[in-house]
Amino acid sequence: MTRPDARPSPDRMLREAAARLDRRRFLTVTSAAAALAFGVNLPSAQAADAEFAPQVLKENPFTLGVASGDPLPNAVVLWTRLAPRPLEPGFGLPPVGSVRVGWEISRDERFKRVERRGSARAHAEFSYSLHVDVDGLQAGREYWYRFTVGSWTSPVGRTRTAPARGRRLESARLAVVSCQAYEDGYFTAYRHLADEDLDAVFHVGDYIYEYGIDAVGGDRRYTDRTLPSELNHETVSLEDYRLRYSLYKNDPDLQHAHAAHPWYVTWDDHEVENNYAAGIPEKNQDPVPFVARRAAAYRAYWENQPLRLPQPRGTELTLYRRVHFGQLAQFDILDTRQYRDDQANGDGWKYPTPESEDPKRTLMGAAQERWFAEGLRRSTATWNVVPQQVVFSRRKNTTAERSKLSMDAWDGYPAARERFLTAVDQAGTKNLVLLTGDVHVAYAFDVKRNVDDPASRTVGVELVGTSISSDGDGEERPSDWATMMAANPHLKFFDARRGYTVVSLDHHRARADHRVLSHITRPGGTLSTASSFVTEAGNPGLHPA
């Protein structure tokens, strides 16, 4: 008889399934990869027989902390993942089986007024992660939560449900974060973010990076620890991605930020591979292993984020979704990576050509475009806020009339941008705010109706948050600062230090505060506010606060 732990590894199962997958059954490679991610190596119907006693956990299993996310007015997802040895393959747990974990959510941080409690099983097939969707909660209020297994109790997290959809909410405060390459420096920004008074955090992509990390943690230059050699190669397999998330989530500053606020997450490219486009890998490798790689990356992403959707037995990993904050704001969270056409002209910064200007090219995919346009038409919120990944506004890198543009950003998909702006026009959207990441700098743009004409009508604003750590310490005015400011009159602010952006909304105005750090390649960076801008409701355009 075959022993339970002698079955093929999850990675082998993914590779074999990808090789025999009839992709003609699926509309796109995207759906094929998602089918693999959530259709292979699931807990069996007999999984209860494999449940083991919590007493086998001799070491703290909550080394990766806790998180909450996707809050609704009556519900929120609570997350943790058991990993007694987070930086070892297998994480110190059996390769098969499950363990029952208790959870509770309370109105107070001492758990004197517990609102709900229960238990759920953490399965080996999902790397012992838990996603508890707690409902029956009150809208717009704070809660505290924790997990228990055996004699171990997790750190306490704080969360908040979304306001009731029809409520006349006076204000909301949120943060935009992205791009956190572990090897480029410390996550000091998250230590400061944890102290902010926020209703939610929006992470708009590049939660992990796929590149190898050396024994001293790259620019962190550790002298008190040695990172395992398993991290020092590019992530390809499910085990690789799981181990990379363990490294990131083992960081105390990131844990503090997750425990302090509920998060809404979406991805960009590095959660899989740099600048991939839908089913097309960066360097046009063999598509069969790339399908397996994407499936592994998608699976690990879901396992390690406080996500409600998709259910793991589904065949899609749909991350675009809509959130309502009372009558004040509608958030349309986009996915501009999973459904896009390949970058034109070989990617990079190139002059526009008929290829990039093809009217059929899409960044969001047809289904997401329709969903977005319909959502705008139905919106009754004061502010329509769009958290998304890549820079929407025109960016010229020279003052000459003809300029190269980024083929990976909306500049490489001008027809898709025009359809977006047409949807804004047809819906009569007055107060549009785009929240963007990707480029490791902070920008503030007026969004122009005609991107080629800086004098055209302003239809909204775009707030680009800088990176948490990617590209190291950075500088206030990089070498291209003067050129970029002169070449793009609709660009109101440009700073290349690390940090995040806080956005405050009320029914009269939106305010953006760009927070920056003195340094991140060593601990202890100090926080300051580099700029503050406001845009008035009904009168789009950025002005110094």
Protein backbone atom coordinates (compact mmCIF):
# COMPACT_ATOMS: atom_id res chain seq x y z
CA MET A 1 0.00 0.00 0.00
CA THR A 2 1.23 3.49 -0.87
CA ARG A 3 1.88 5.58 2.20
CA PRO A 4 -0.13 8.87 2.32
CA ASP A 5 3.04 10.97 2.30
CA ALA A 6 4.40 9.11 -0.75
CA ARG A 7 1.97 10.67 -3.21
CA PRO A 8 3.42 13.00 -5.89
CA SER A 9 4.42 16.46 -4.73
CA PRO A 10 2.04 19.36 -5.48
CA ASP A 11 4.55 20.73 -7.99
CA ARG A 12 4.77 17.46 -9.85
CA MET A 13 0.99 17.25 -9.90
CA LEU A 14 0.77 20.77 -11.38
CA ARG A 15 3.40 20.04 -14.03
CA GLU A 16 1.77 16.78 -15.05
CA ALA A 17 -1.68 18.38 -15.15
CA ALA A 18 -0.36 21.28 -17.26
CA ALA A 19 1.25 18.89 -19.73
CA ARG A 20 -1.97 16.96 -20.33
CA LEU A 21 -4.34 19.92 -20.09
CA ASP A 22 -6.45 20.43 -23.18
CA ARG A 23 -6.25 24.22 -23.28
CA ARG A 24 -8.77 24.29 -26.11
CA ARG A 25 -11.40 23.74 -23.40
CA PHE A 26 -10.57 27.16 -21.98
CA LEU A 27 -11.03 30.56 -23.53
CA THR A 28 -7.57 31.71 -22.48
CA VAL A 29 -4.37 30.47 -20.87
CA THR A 30 -5.52 32.57 -17.91
CA SER A 31 -8.51 30.34 -17.28
CA ALA A 32 -6.39 27.23 -17.85
CA ALA A 33 -3.85 28.33 -15.24
CA ALA A 34 -6.59 29.23 -12.77
CA ALA A 35 -8.23 25.84 -13.32
CA LEU A 36 -4.95 24.18 -12.42
CA ALA A 37 -4.34 26.44 -9.43
CA PHE A 38 -7.64 25.53 -7.83
CA GLY A 39 -8.39 22.14 -9.36
CA VAL A 40 -5.27 20.16 -8.41
CA ASN A 41 -4.23 18.75 -5.01
CA LEU A 42 -7.36 19.71 -3.08
CA PRO A 43 -8.28 18.28 0.33
CA SER A 44 -10.06 14.98 -0.21
CA ALA A 45 -13.52 14.07 1.03
CA GLN A 46 -11.83 11.76 3.53
CA ALA A 47 -9.56 14.51 4.86
CA ALA A 48 -11.17 14.29 8.30
CA ASP A 49 -9.47 10.90 8.72
CA ALA A 50 -6.10 12.64 8.39
CA GLU A 51 -6.74 15.26 11.08
CA PHE A 52 -3.93 15.28 13.61
CA ALA A 53 -3.94 16.44 17.21
CA PRO A 54 -2.80 20.01 17.87
CA GLN A 55 -0.48 18.66 20.55
CA VAL A 56 2.00 17.66 17.85
CA LEU A 57 2.77 21.38 17.43
CA LYS A 58 5.77 21.72 19.72
CA GLU A 59 6.83 25.10 18.31
CA ASN A 60 4.93 28.34 17.79
CA PRO A 61 2.89 27.86 14.59
CA PHE A 62 1.89 31.55 14.25
CA THR A 63 5.26 32.83 13.01
CA LEU A 64 3.63 34.51 9.98
CA GLY A 65 1.21 36.61 12.01
CA VAL A 66 -2.42 37.32 11.23
CA ALA A 67 -4.30 39.43 8.71
CA SER A 68 -7.81 40.51 7.76
CA GLY A 69 -9.19 41.59 4.43
CA ASP A 70 -12.01 42.26 1.99
CA PRO A 71 -14.30 43.72 4.67
CA LEU A 72 -17.99 44.03 3.85
CA PRO A 73 -20.58 45.80 6.01
CA ASN A 74 -21.44 42.51 7.75
CA ALA A 75 -18.35 40.34 7.21
CA VAL A 76 -14.57 40.18 7.02
CA VAL A 77 -12.00 37.52 6.11
CA LEU A 78 -9.60 36.51 8.87
CA TRP A 79 -6.31 34.90 7.81
CA THR A 80 -3.39 33.06 9.29
CA ARG A 81 -1.05 30.30 8.16
CA LEU A 82 0.61 27.73 10.40
CA ALA A 83 4.38 27.55 9.94
CA PRO A 84 6.45 26.52 12.99
CA ARG A 85 9.60 26.69 10.85
CA PRO A 86 8.75 29.31 8.26
CA LEU A 87 12.03 29.31 6.31
CA GLU A 88 12.34 25.55 5.91
CA PRO A 89 10.76 23.56 3.08
CA GLY A 90 7.65 21.95 4.54
CA PHE A 91 7.52 24.65 7.26
CA GLY A 92 7.84 22.08 10.07
CA LEU A 93 4.45 20.44 9.44
CA PRO A 94 3.35 17.04 8.05
CA PRO A 95 3.10 16.88 4.23
CA VAL A 96 -0.48 15.58 4.47
CA GLY A 97 -3.29 16.02 6.94
CA SER A 98 -5.04 18.87 8.68
CA VAL A 99 -5.32 20.47 12.10
CA ARG A 100 -8.28 22.23 13.67
CA VAL A 101 -7.70 25.89 14.59
CA GLY A 102 -9.96 27.99 16.80
CA TRP A 103 -10.81 31.59 16.04
CA GLU A 104 -12.69 34.39 17.75
CA ILE A 105 -13.59 37.98 16.98
CA SER A 106 -14.39 40.47 19.72
CA ARG A 107 -15.66 44.01 20.25
CA ASP A 108 -12.70 44.71 22.53
CA GLU A 109 -9.02 43.86 22.38
CA ARG A 110 -9.14 41.97 25.69
CA PHE A 111 -11.82 39.62 24.30
CA LYS A 112 -14.30 40.34 27.09
CA ARG A 113 -17.11 40.81 24.53
CA VAL A 114 -16.60 38.07 21.97
CA GLU A 115 -18.94 38.56 19.03
CA ARG A 116 -18.32 35.30 17.15
CA ARG A 117 -16.14 32.24 17.63
CA GLY A 118 -15.62 28.94 15.90
CA SER A 119 -13.04 26.59 14.43
CA ALA A 120 -11.77 25.69 10.98
CA ARG A 121 -9.34 23.16 9.62
CA ALA A 122 -5.99 24.13 8.15
CA HIS A 123 -5.10 21.65 5.39
CA ALA A 124 -1.67 20.60 4.17
CA GLU A 125 -2.94 20.96 0.60
CA PHE A 126 -3.35 24.71 1.21
CA SER A 127 -0.04 25.00 3.08
CA TYR A 128 -1.97 25.09 6.38
CA SER A 129 -3.50 28.48 5.60
CA LEU A 130 -6.87 29.58 6.99
CA HIS A 131 -9.39 31.94 5.40
CA VAL A 132 -12.31 32.37 7.81
CA ASP A 133 -15.17 34.42 6.38
CA VAL A 134 -16.86 35.78 9.50
CA ASP A 135 -20.35 37.17 8.88
CA GLY A 136 -23.11 38.52 11.10
CA LEU A 137 -21.01 41.54 12.12
CA GLN A 138 -22.08 45.15 12.53
CA ALA A 139 -21.25 47.63 9.79
CA GLY A 140 -18.52 50.23 10.19
CA ARG A 141 -17.09 49.16 13.52
CA GLU A 142 -13.79 47.96 14.94
CA TYR A 143 -13.17 44.36 15.94
CA TRP A 144 -10.23 42.38 17.30
CA TYR A 145 -9.49 38.77 16.42
CA ARG A 146 -7.11 35.91 17.19
CA PHE A 147 -6.51 32.22 16.53
CA THR A 148 -5.65 29.30 18.83
CA VAL A 149 -4.32 25.82 18.20
CA GLY A 150 -3.29 23.49 21.00
CA SER A 151 -1.53 25.58 23.64
CA TRP A 152 -0.63 28.32 21.15
CA THR A 153 -2.39 31.66 20.68
CA SER A 154 -1.74 33.96 17.74
CA PRO A 155 -1.00 37.68 17.92
CA VAL A 156 -4.15 39.82 18.13
CA GLY A 157 -5.26 41.63 14.99
CA ARG A 158 -7.50 44.65 14.63
CA THR A 159 -9.97 44.95 11.78
CA ARG A 160 -12.94 47.03 10.71
CA THR A 161 -16.06 46.22 8.73
CA ALA A 162 -17.06 48.42 5.81
CA PRO A 163 -19.75 51.05 6.38
CA ALA A 164 -23.33 50.23 5.40
CA ARG A 165 -23.81 50.96 1.70
CA GLY A 166 -26.58 53.54 2.07
CA ARG A 167 -25.09 55.30 5.08
CA ARG A 168 -24.25 59.00 4.92
CA LEU A 169 -20.60 58.45 5.85
CA GLU A 170 -18.81 61.68 6.69
CA SER A 171 -15.24 60.62 5.92
CA ALA A 172 -12.90 57.73 5.18
CA ARG A 173 -9.16 57.32 5.37
CA LEU A 174 -7.12 54.74 3.48
CA ALA A 175 -3.55 54.00 2.38
CA VAL A 176 -2.11 52.89 -0.94
CA VAL A 177 0.91 50.56 -0.90
CA SER A 178 2.82 48.50 -3.47
CA CYS A 179 6.17 47.07 -4.55
CA GLN A 180 8.01 45.53 -1.61
CA ALA A 181 11.17 43.78 -2.82
CA TYR A 182 12.56 42.12 0.31
CA GLU A 183 16.14 42.22 -0.93
CA ASP A 184 16.04 45.98 -1.60
CA GLY A 185 15.65 47.05 2.02
CA TYR A 186 13.61 46.97 5.19
CA PHE A 187 9.82 47.28 5.38
CA THR A 188 10.12 50.26 7.73
CA ALA A 189 7.24 51.98 5.95
CA TYR A 190 4.89 49.30 7.27
CA ARG A 191 5.95 49.97 10.86
CA HIS A 192 4.81 53.57 10.38
CA LEU A 193 1.71 52.55 8.43
CA ALA A 194 0.58 50.43 11.38
CA ASP A 195 0.37 53.62 13.47
CA GLU A 196 -1.83 55.48 10.97
CA ASP A 197 -5.55 55.90 11.68
CA LEU A 198 -6.98 54.09 8.64
CA ASP A 199 -10.19 52.40 7.57
CA ALA A 200 -8.39 50.12 5.09
CA VAL A 201 -5.17 49.52 3.16
CA PHE A 202 -5.17 48.96 -0.61
CA HIS A 203 -2.23 46.93 -1.89
CA VAL A 204 -2.06 47.37 -5.67
CA GLY A 205 0.60 44.84 -6.58
CA ASP A 206 4.09 43.35 -6.33
CA TYR A 207 3.60 41.87 -2.87
CA ILE A 208 6.56 39.56 -3.51
CA TYR A 209 9.35 39.52 -6.09
CA GLU A 210 10.47 36.41 -7.90
CA TYR A 211 14.23 37.03 -7.99
CA GLY A 212 16.70 35.05 -5.89
CA ILE A 213 17.66 36.40 -2.45
CA ASP A 214 21.14 35.74 -1.08
CA ALA A 215 22.14 34.61 2.40
CA VAL A 216 22.39 38.16 3.80
CA GLY A 217 19.05 39.36 2.43
CA GLY A 218 20.46 41.55 -0.34
CA ASP A 219 20.61 45.21 0.68
CA ARG A 220 19.44 44.34 4.18
CA ARG A 221 22.97 42.99 4.74
CA TYR A 222 22.09 40.77 7.68
CA THR A 223 24.85 40.00 10.17
CA ASP A 224 22.64 38.25 12.73
CA ARG A 225 21.13 35.54 10.48
CA THR A 226 21.71 33.54 7.34
CA LEU A 227 18.86 33.02 4.91
CA PRO A 228 18.49 29.50 3.50
CA SER A 229 19.93 28.64 0.09
CA GLU A 230 16.45 27.60 -1.11
CA LEU A 231 15.65 31.31 -1.47
CA ASN A 232 18.61 32.07 -3.72
CA HIS A 233 16.99 31.33 -7.08
CA GLU A 234 14.01 32.61 -9.03
CA THR A 235 10.61 31.35 -7.90
CA VAL A 236 9.16 28.78 -10.29
CA SER A 237 7.51 26.01 -8.27
CA LEU A 238 4.70 26.06 -5.73
CA GLU A 239 7.21 25.32 -2.98
CA ASP A 240 9.33 28.28 -4.18
CA TYR A 241 6.39 30.70 -4.02
CA ARG A 242 5.22 29.39 -0.66
CA LEU A 243 8.69 29.79 0.80
CA ARG A 244 8.98 33.31 -0.62
CA TYR A 245 5.70 34.34 1.04
CA SER A 246 6.94 32.84 4.29
CA LEU A 247 10.06 35.00 4.13
CA TYR A 248 8.06 38.16 3.48
CA LYS A 249 5.37 37.45 6.04
CA ASN A 250 7.98 36.60 8.65
CA ASP A 251 9.00 40.27 8.54
CA PRO A 252 7.81 41.97 11.77
CA ASP A 253 6.98 45.32 10.15
CA LEU A 254 4.76 43.71 7.52
CA GLN A 255 3.08 41.67 10.27
CA HIS A 256 2.35 44.84 12.26
CA ALA A 257 0.70 46.51 9.27
CA HIS A 258 -1.46 43.47 8.54
CA ALA A 259 -2.50 43.17 12.18
CA ALA A 260 -3.37 46.88 12.40
CA HIS A 261 -5.72 47.29 9.41
CA PRO A 262 -7.91 45.30 7.02
CA TRP A 263 -6.42 45.02 3.52
CA TYR A 264 -7.84 44.86 0.01
CA VAL A 265 -5.23 43.23 -2.23
CA THR A 266 -4.70 42.85 -5.95
CA TRP A 267 -1.62 41.79 -7.88
CA ASP A 268 0.61 43.08 -10.63
CA ASP A 269 3.41 41.12 -12.34
CA HIS A 270 6.05 40.11 -9.80
CA GLU A 271 3.68 37.82 -7.94
CA VAL A 272 4.36 35.57 -10.96
CA GLU A 273 7.14 37.00 -13.16
CA ASN A 274 8.29 40.44 -14.30
CA ASN A 275 6.09 41.96 -17.03
CA TYR A 276 4.24 38.81 -17.96
CA ALA A 277 1.06 39.47 -19.92
CA ALA A 278 -1.89 37.13 -19.38
CA GLY A 279 -0.57 33.76 -20.66
CA ILE A 280 2.64 35.14 -22.17
CA PRO A 281 5.83 34.87 -20.10
CA GLU A 282 8.40 37.65 -20.01
CA LYS A 283 10.83 36.00 -22.44
CA ASN A 284 8.40 33.93 -24.53
CA GLN A 285 9.40 30.64 -22.93
CA ASP A 286 7.59 27.33 -23.50
CA PRO A 287 3.94 28.00 -22.57
CA VAL A 288 3.35 24.60 -20.90
CA PRO A 289 5.73 25.15 -17.94
CA PHE A 290 4.57 28.76 -17.74
CA VAL A 291 0.96 27.60 -17.25
CA ALA A 292 2.16 25.42 -14.37
CA ARG A 293 4.24 28.29 -12.98
CA ARG A 294 1.33 30.71 -13.09
CA ALA A 295 -0.92 28.15 -11.45
CA ALA A 296 1.62 27.72 -8.65
CA ALA A 297 1.93 31.49 -8.20
CA TYR A 298 -1.84 31.98 -8.14
CA ARG A 299 -2.30 29.19 -5.61
CA ALA A 300 0.40 30.59 -3.32
CA TYR A 301 -1.03 34.11 -3.62
CA TRP A 302 -4.48 32.96 -2.52
CA GLU A 303 -3.04 30.86 0.29
CA ASN A 304 -1.15 33.83 1.70
CA GLN A 305 -3.69 36.65 1.40
CA PRO A 306 -6.90 37.45 3.32
CA LEU A 307 -9.08 36.82 0.28
CA ARG A 308 -12.66 35.66 0.13
CA LEU A 309 -12.81 35.11 -3.61
CA PRO A 310 -12.28 32.90 -5.39
CA GLN A 311 -13.26 29.77 -3.58
CA PRO A 312 -10.39 27.33 -4.02
CA ARG A 313 -12.53 24.85 -5.94
CA GLY A 314 -13.45 27.45 -8.53
CA THR A 315 -11.84 27.73 -11.95
CA GLU A 316 -11.09 31.45 -11.92
CA LEU A 317 -9.01 33.72 -9.75
CA THR A 318 -11.07 36.86 -10.23
CA LEU A 319 -9.46 39.73 -8.34
CA TYR A 320 -11.34 42.65 -9.85
CA ARG A 321 -14.15 43.54 -7.46
CA ARG A 322 -16.26 46.41 -6.15
CA VAL A 323 -16.45 47.78 -2.62
CA HIS A 324 -18.87 50.42 -1.29
CA PHE A 325 -18.12 52.77 1.60
CA GLY A 326 -21.55 54.17 2.39
CA GLN A 327 -22.61 56.96 0.05
CA LEU A 328 -19.10 58.38 0.18
CA ALA A 329 -17.04 56.14 -2.09
CA GLN A 330 -17.18 53.28 -4.56
CA PHE A 331 -13.90 51.39 -5.00
CA ASP A 332 -13.45 49.48 -8.26
CA ILE A 333 -10.36 47.33 -7.74
CA LEU A 334 -8.86 46.38 -11.11
CA ASP A 335 -6.63 43.61 -12.44
CA THR A 336 -4.59 44.97 -15.35
CA ARG A 337 -2.20 42.02 -15.56
CA GLN A 338 -4.17 38.79 -15.91
CA TYR A 339 -6.19 39.62 -19.04
CA ARG A 340 -3.95 41.99 -21.02
CA ASP A 341 -2.61 41.65 -24.53
CA ASP A 342 1.14 41.25 -24.81
CA GLN A 343 3.15 44.45 -24.56
CA ALA A 344 3.65 46.03 -27.99
CA ASN A 345 6.97 46.67 -29.70
CA GLY A 346 8.89 44.23 -27.54
CA ASP A 347 8.00 46.00 -24.25
CA GLY A 348 10.07 48.72 -22.58
CA TRP A 349 10.02 52.43 -23.49
CA LYS A 350 9.33 52.66 -27.23
CA TYR A 351 7.85 55.08 -29.73
CA PRO A 352 4.14 54.41 -30.41
CA THR A 353 3.51 52.31 -33.52
CA PRO A 354 0.45 50.85 -35.28
CA GLU A 355 0.97 47.78 -33.10
CA SER A 356 0.62 49.68 -29.81
CA GLU A 357 -2.22 51.80 -31.21
CA ASP A 358 -4.26 48.85 -32.49
CA PRO A 359 -7.86 49.62 -31.40
CA LYS A 360 -8.45 45.99 -30.42
CA ARG A 361 -5.72 45.94 -27.75
CA THR A 362 -6.89 45.49 -24.17
CA LEU A 363 -5.35 45.89 -20.74
CA MET A 364 -8.36 44.80 -18.67
CA GLY A 365 -10.01 42.25 -20.94
CA ALA A 366 -13.50 42.64 -22.40
CA ALA A 367 -15.40 41.21 -19.43
CA GLN A 368 -13.67 43.48 -16.92
CA GLU A 369 -14.17 46.51 -19.18
CA ARG A 370 -17.92 45.83 -19.30
CA TRP A 371 -18.04 45.28 -15.54
CA PHE A 372 -16.22 48.55 -14.92
CA ALA A 373 -18.41 50.62 -17.26
CA GLU A 374 -21.60 49.19 -15.76
CA GLY A 375 -20.35 49.92 -12.25
CA LEU A 376 -19.69 53.55 -13.11
CA ARG A 377 -23.16 53.92 -14.61
CA ARG A 378 -24.80 52.59 -11.46
CA SER A 379 -22.60 54.45 -8.98
CA THR A 380 -24.26 56.97 -6.68
CA ALA A 381 -21.16 57.58 -4.56
CA THR A 382 -19.52 60.97 -4.18
CA TRP A 383 -16.12 59.52 -5.13
CA ASN A 384 -15.33 56.82 -7.66
CA VAL A 385 -11.95 55.44 -6.63
CA VAL A 386 -10.05 52.98 -8.84
CA PRO A 387 -7.17 51.07 -7.20
CA GLN A 388 -5.14 49.58 -10.07
CA GLN A 389 -1.63 48.67 -11.05
CA VAL A 390 0.17 50.63 -13.81
CA VAL A 391 0.39 54.35 -14.61
CA PHE A 392 -2.75 55.56 -16.40
CA SER A 393 -1.65 59.10 -17.30
CA ARG A 394 0.52 60.00 -20.29
CA ARG A 395 4.23 60.00 -19.37
CA LYS A 396 6.69 61.45 -21.85
CA ASN A 397 10.38 61.11 -20.99
CA THR A 398 11.53 63.98 -23.21
CA THR A 399 10.33 67.49 -23.94
CA ALA A 400 10.45 66.77 -27.68
CA GLU A 401 7.10 66.57 -29.45
CA ARG A 402 7.61 62.87 -30.14
CA SER A 403 8.56 60.76 -27.13
CA LYS A 404 9.03 57.16 -26.20
CA LEU A 405 6.34 55.78 -23.87
CA SER A 406 6.09 52.85 -21.49
CA MET A 407 4.65 49.87 -23.35
CA ASP A 408 3.82 48.13 -20.04
CA ALA A 409 1.63 50.99 -18.75
CA TRP A 410 -1.62 52.43 -20.16
CA ASP A 411 0.52 54.40 -22.65
CA GLY A 412 1.12 51.08 -24.40
CA TYR A 413 -2.64 50.45 -24.61
CA PRO A 414 -4.11 53.80 -25.77
CA ALA A 415 -7.30 52.27 -27.18
CA ALA A 416 -8.01 50.62 -23.84
CA ARG A 417 -7.43 53.94 -22.08
CA GLU A 418 -9.82 55.67 -24.47
CA ARG A 419 -12.53 53.08 -23.70
CA PHE A 420 -11.93 53.69 -19.99
CA LEU A 421 -12.34 57.46 -20.43
CA THR A 422 -15.39 56.97 -22.62
CA ALA A 423 -16.96 54.91 -19.83
CA VAL A 424 -16.23 57.78 -17.42
CA ASP A 425 -17.87 60.27 -19.81
CA GLN A 426 -20.94 58.14 -20.46
CA ALA A 427 -21.50 57.54 -16.76
CA GLY A 428 -21.19 61.23 -15.96
CA THR A 429 -18.55 60.46 -13.34
CA LYS A 430 -17.52 63.72 -11.69
CA ASN A 431 -15.06 62.69 -9.00
CA LEU A 432 -12.61 60.11 -10.32
CA VAL A 433 -9.51 59.11 -8.35
CA LEU A 434 -7.06 56.49 -9.62
CA LEU A 435 -4.71 54.83 -7.12
CA THR A 436 -1.63 53.32 -8.77
CA GLY A 437 1.63 51.52 -7.95
CA ASP A 438 4.28 49.74 -10.05
CA VAL A 439 6.87 52.45 -10.79
CA HIS A 440 8.61 52.88 -7.39
CA VAL A 441 8.07 56.65 -7.31
CA ALA A 442 5.30 58.93 -6.10
CA TYR A 443 3.46 60.91 -8.76
CA ALA A 444 0.39 63.14 -8.66
CA PHE A 445 -1.35 63.72 -12.02
CA ASP A 446 -4.34 65.57 -13.32
CA VAL A 447 -6.08 63.04 -15.59
CA LYS A 448 -6.74 64.72 -18.94
CA ARG A 449 -9.56 63.78 -21.29
CA ASN A 450 -7.17 64.09 -24.22
CA VAL A 451 -3.86 62.68 -23.03
CA ASP A 452 -2.02 64.38 -25.91
CA ASP A 453 -3.28 67.84 -24.93
CA PRO A 454 -2.33 69.17 -21.47
CA ALA A 455 -4.92 71.95 -21.94
CA SER A 456 -7.80 69.52 -22.38
CA ARG A 457 -10.50 68.98 -19.77
CA THR A 458 -9.44 67.43 -16.45
CA VAL A 459 -11.65 64.43 -15.68
CA GLY A 460 -10.03 63.20 -12.47
CA VAL A 461 -6.75 62.71 -10.65
CA GLU A 462 -4.22 59.91 -10.41
CA LEU A 463 -2.24 59.31 -7.23
CA VAL A 464 0.75 57.03 -7.77
CA GLY A 465 2.16 55.65 -4.53
CA THR A 466 5.87 54.97 -4.29
CA SER A 467 7.26 51.59 -3.34
CA ILE A 468 7.58 50.19 0.16
CA SER A 469 11.17 49.06 -0.52
CA SER A 470 11.79 48.36 -4.22
CA ASP A 471 14.80 50.28 -5.62
CA GLY A 472 16.36 50.96 -2.23
CA ASP A 473 16.53 54.30 -0.47
CA GLY A 474 15.74 56.42 -3.52
CA GLU A 475 16.07 60.18 -3.66
CA GLU A 476 13.81 63.19 -3.57
CA ARG A 477 14.69 64.38 -7.06
CA PRO A 478 16.11 61.69 -9.34
CA SER A 479 18.13 62.52 -12.44
CA ASP A 480 15.05 62.69 -14.69
CA TRP A 481 13.01 64.88 -12.33
CA ALA A 482 13.34 68.16 -14.25
CA THR A 483 12.73 66.51 -17.63
CA MET A 484 9.64 64.65 -16.44
CA MET A 485 8.14 67.72 -14.82
CA ALA A 486 8.75 69.84 -17.94
CA ALA A 487 7.57 67.18 -20.39
CA ASN A 488 4.31 66.47 -18.55
CA PRO A 489 2.48 69.65 -17.47
CA HIS A 490 -0.30 67.54 -15.93
CA LEU A 491 2.28 66.03 -13.53
CA LYS A 492 2.06 67.99 -10.29
CA PHE A 493 4.44 66.02 -8.05
CA PHE A 494 7.32 63.56 -8.43
CA ASP A 495 9.40 62.03 -5.61
CA ALA A 496 11.52 58.86 -5.76
CA ARG A 497 11.91 58.04 -2.06
CA ARG A 498 10.23 55.04 -0.40
CA GLY A 499 6.94 55.21 1.51
CA TYR A 500 3.19 55.16 0.92
CA THR A 501 0.25 57.48 0.26
CA VAL A 502 -2.61 58.27 2.64
CA VAL A 503 -5.89 59.33 0.99
CA SER A 504 -8.58 61.09 3.02
CA LEU A 505 -12.09 61.47 1.61
CA ASP A 506 -15.09 63.52 2.63
CA HIS A 507 -18.03 64.84 0.62
CA HIS A 508 -16.18 68.07 -0.23
CA ARG A 509 -12.68 66.98 -1.17
CA ALA A 510 -10.09 64.23 -1.43
CA ARG A 511 -6.67 64.75 0.10
CA ALA A 512 -3.45 62.86 -0.68
CA ASP A 513 -0.50 62.87 1.71
CA HIS A 514 2.64 61.31 0.26
CA ARG A 515 4.68 59.84 3.14
CA VAL A 516 8.40 59.22 2.56
CA LEU A 517 11.24 57.65 4.54
CA SER A 518 14.74 58.93 5.17
CA HIS A 519 16.19 55.48 4.33
CA ILE A 520 15.24 51.80 4.19
CA THR A 521 18.54 49.97 3.51
CA ARG A 522 19.12 50.00 7.26
CA PRO A 523 16.59 49.98 10.09
CA GLY A 524 15.23 53.08 11.77
CA GLY A 525 14.18 55.27 8.85
CA THR A 526 12.20 58.35 9.87
CA LEU A 527 8.91 59.33 8.26
CA SER A 528 7.92 62.69 6.81
CA THR A 529 5.24 64.05 4.49
CA ALA A 530 6.73 65.08 1.17
CA SER A 531 3.58 66.67 -0.25
CA SER A 532 -0.14 67.14 0.33
CA PHE A 533 -2.63 67.77 -2.46
CA VAL A 534 -6.39 68.13 -2.58
CA THR A 535 -9.01 67.84 -5.29
CA GLU A 536 -12.47 69.29 -4.74
CA ALA A 537 -15.68 67.36 -5.32
CA GLY A 538 -17.18 68.52 -8.62
CA ASN A 539 -14.02 70.40 -9.60
CA PRO A 540 -11.36 67.84 -10.60
CA GLY A 541 -7.73 68.83 -10.46
CA LEU A 542 -4.95 68.78 -7.86
CA HIS A 543 -3.97 71.78 -5.75
CA PRO A 544 -1.49 72.02 -2.87
CA ALA A 545 -3.25 71.49 0.45
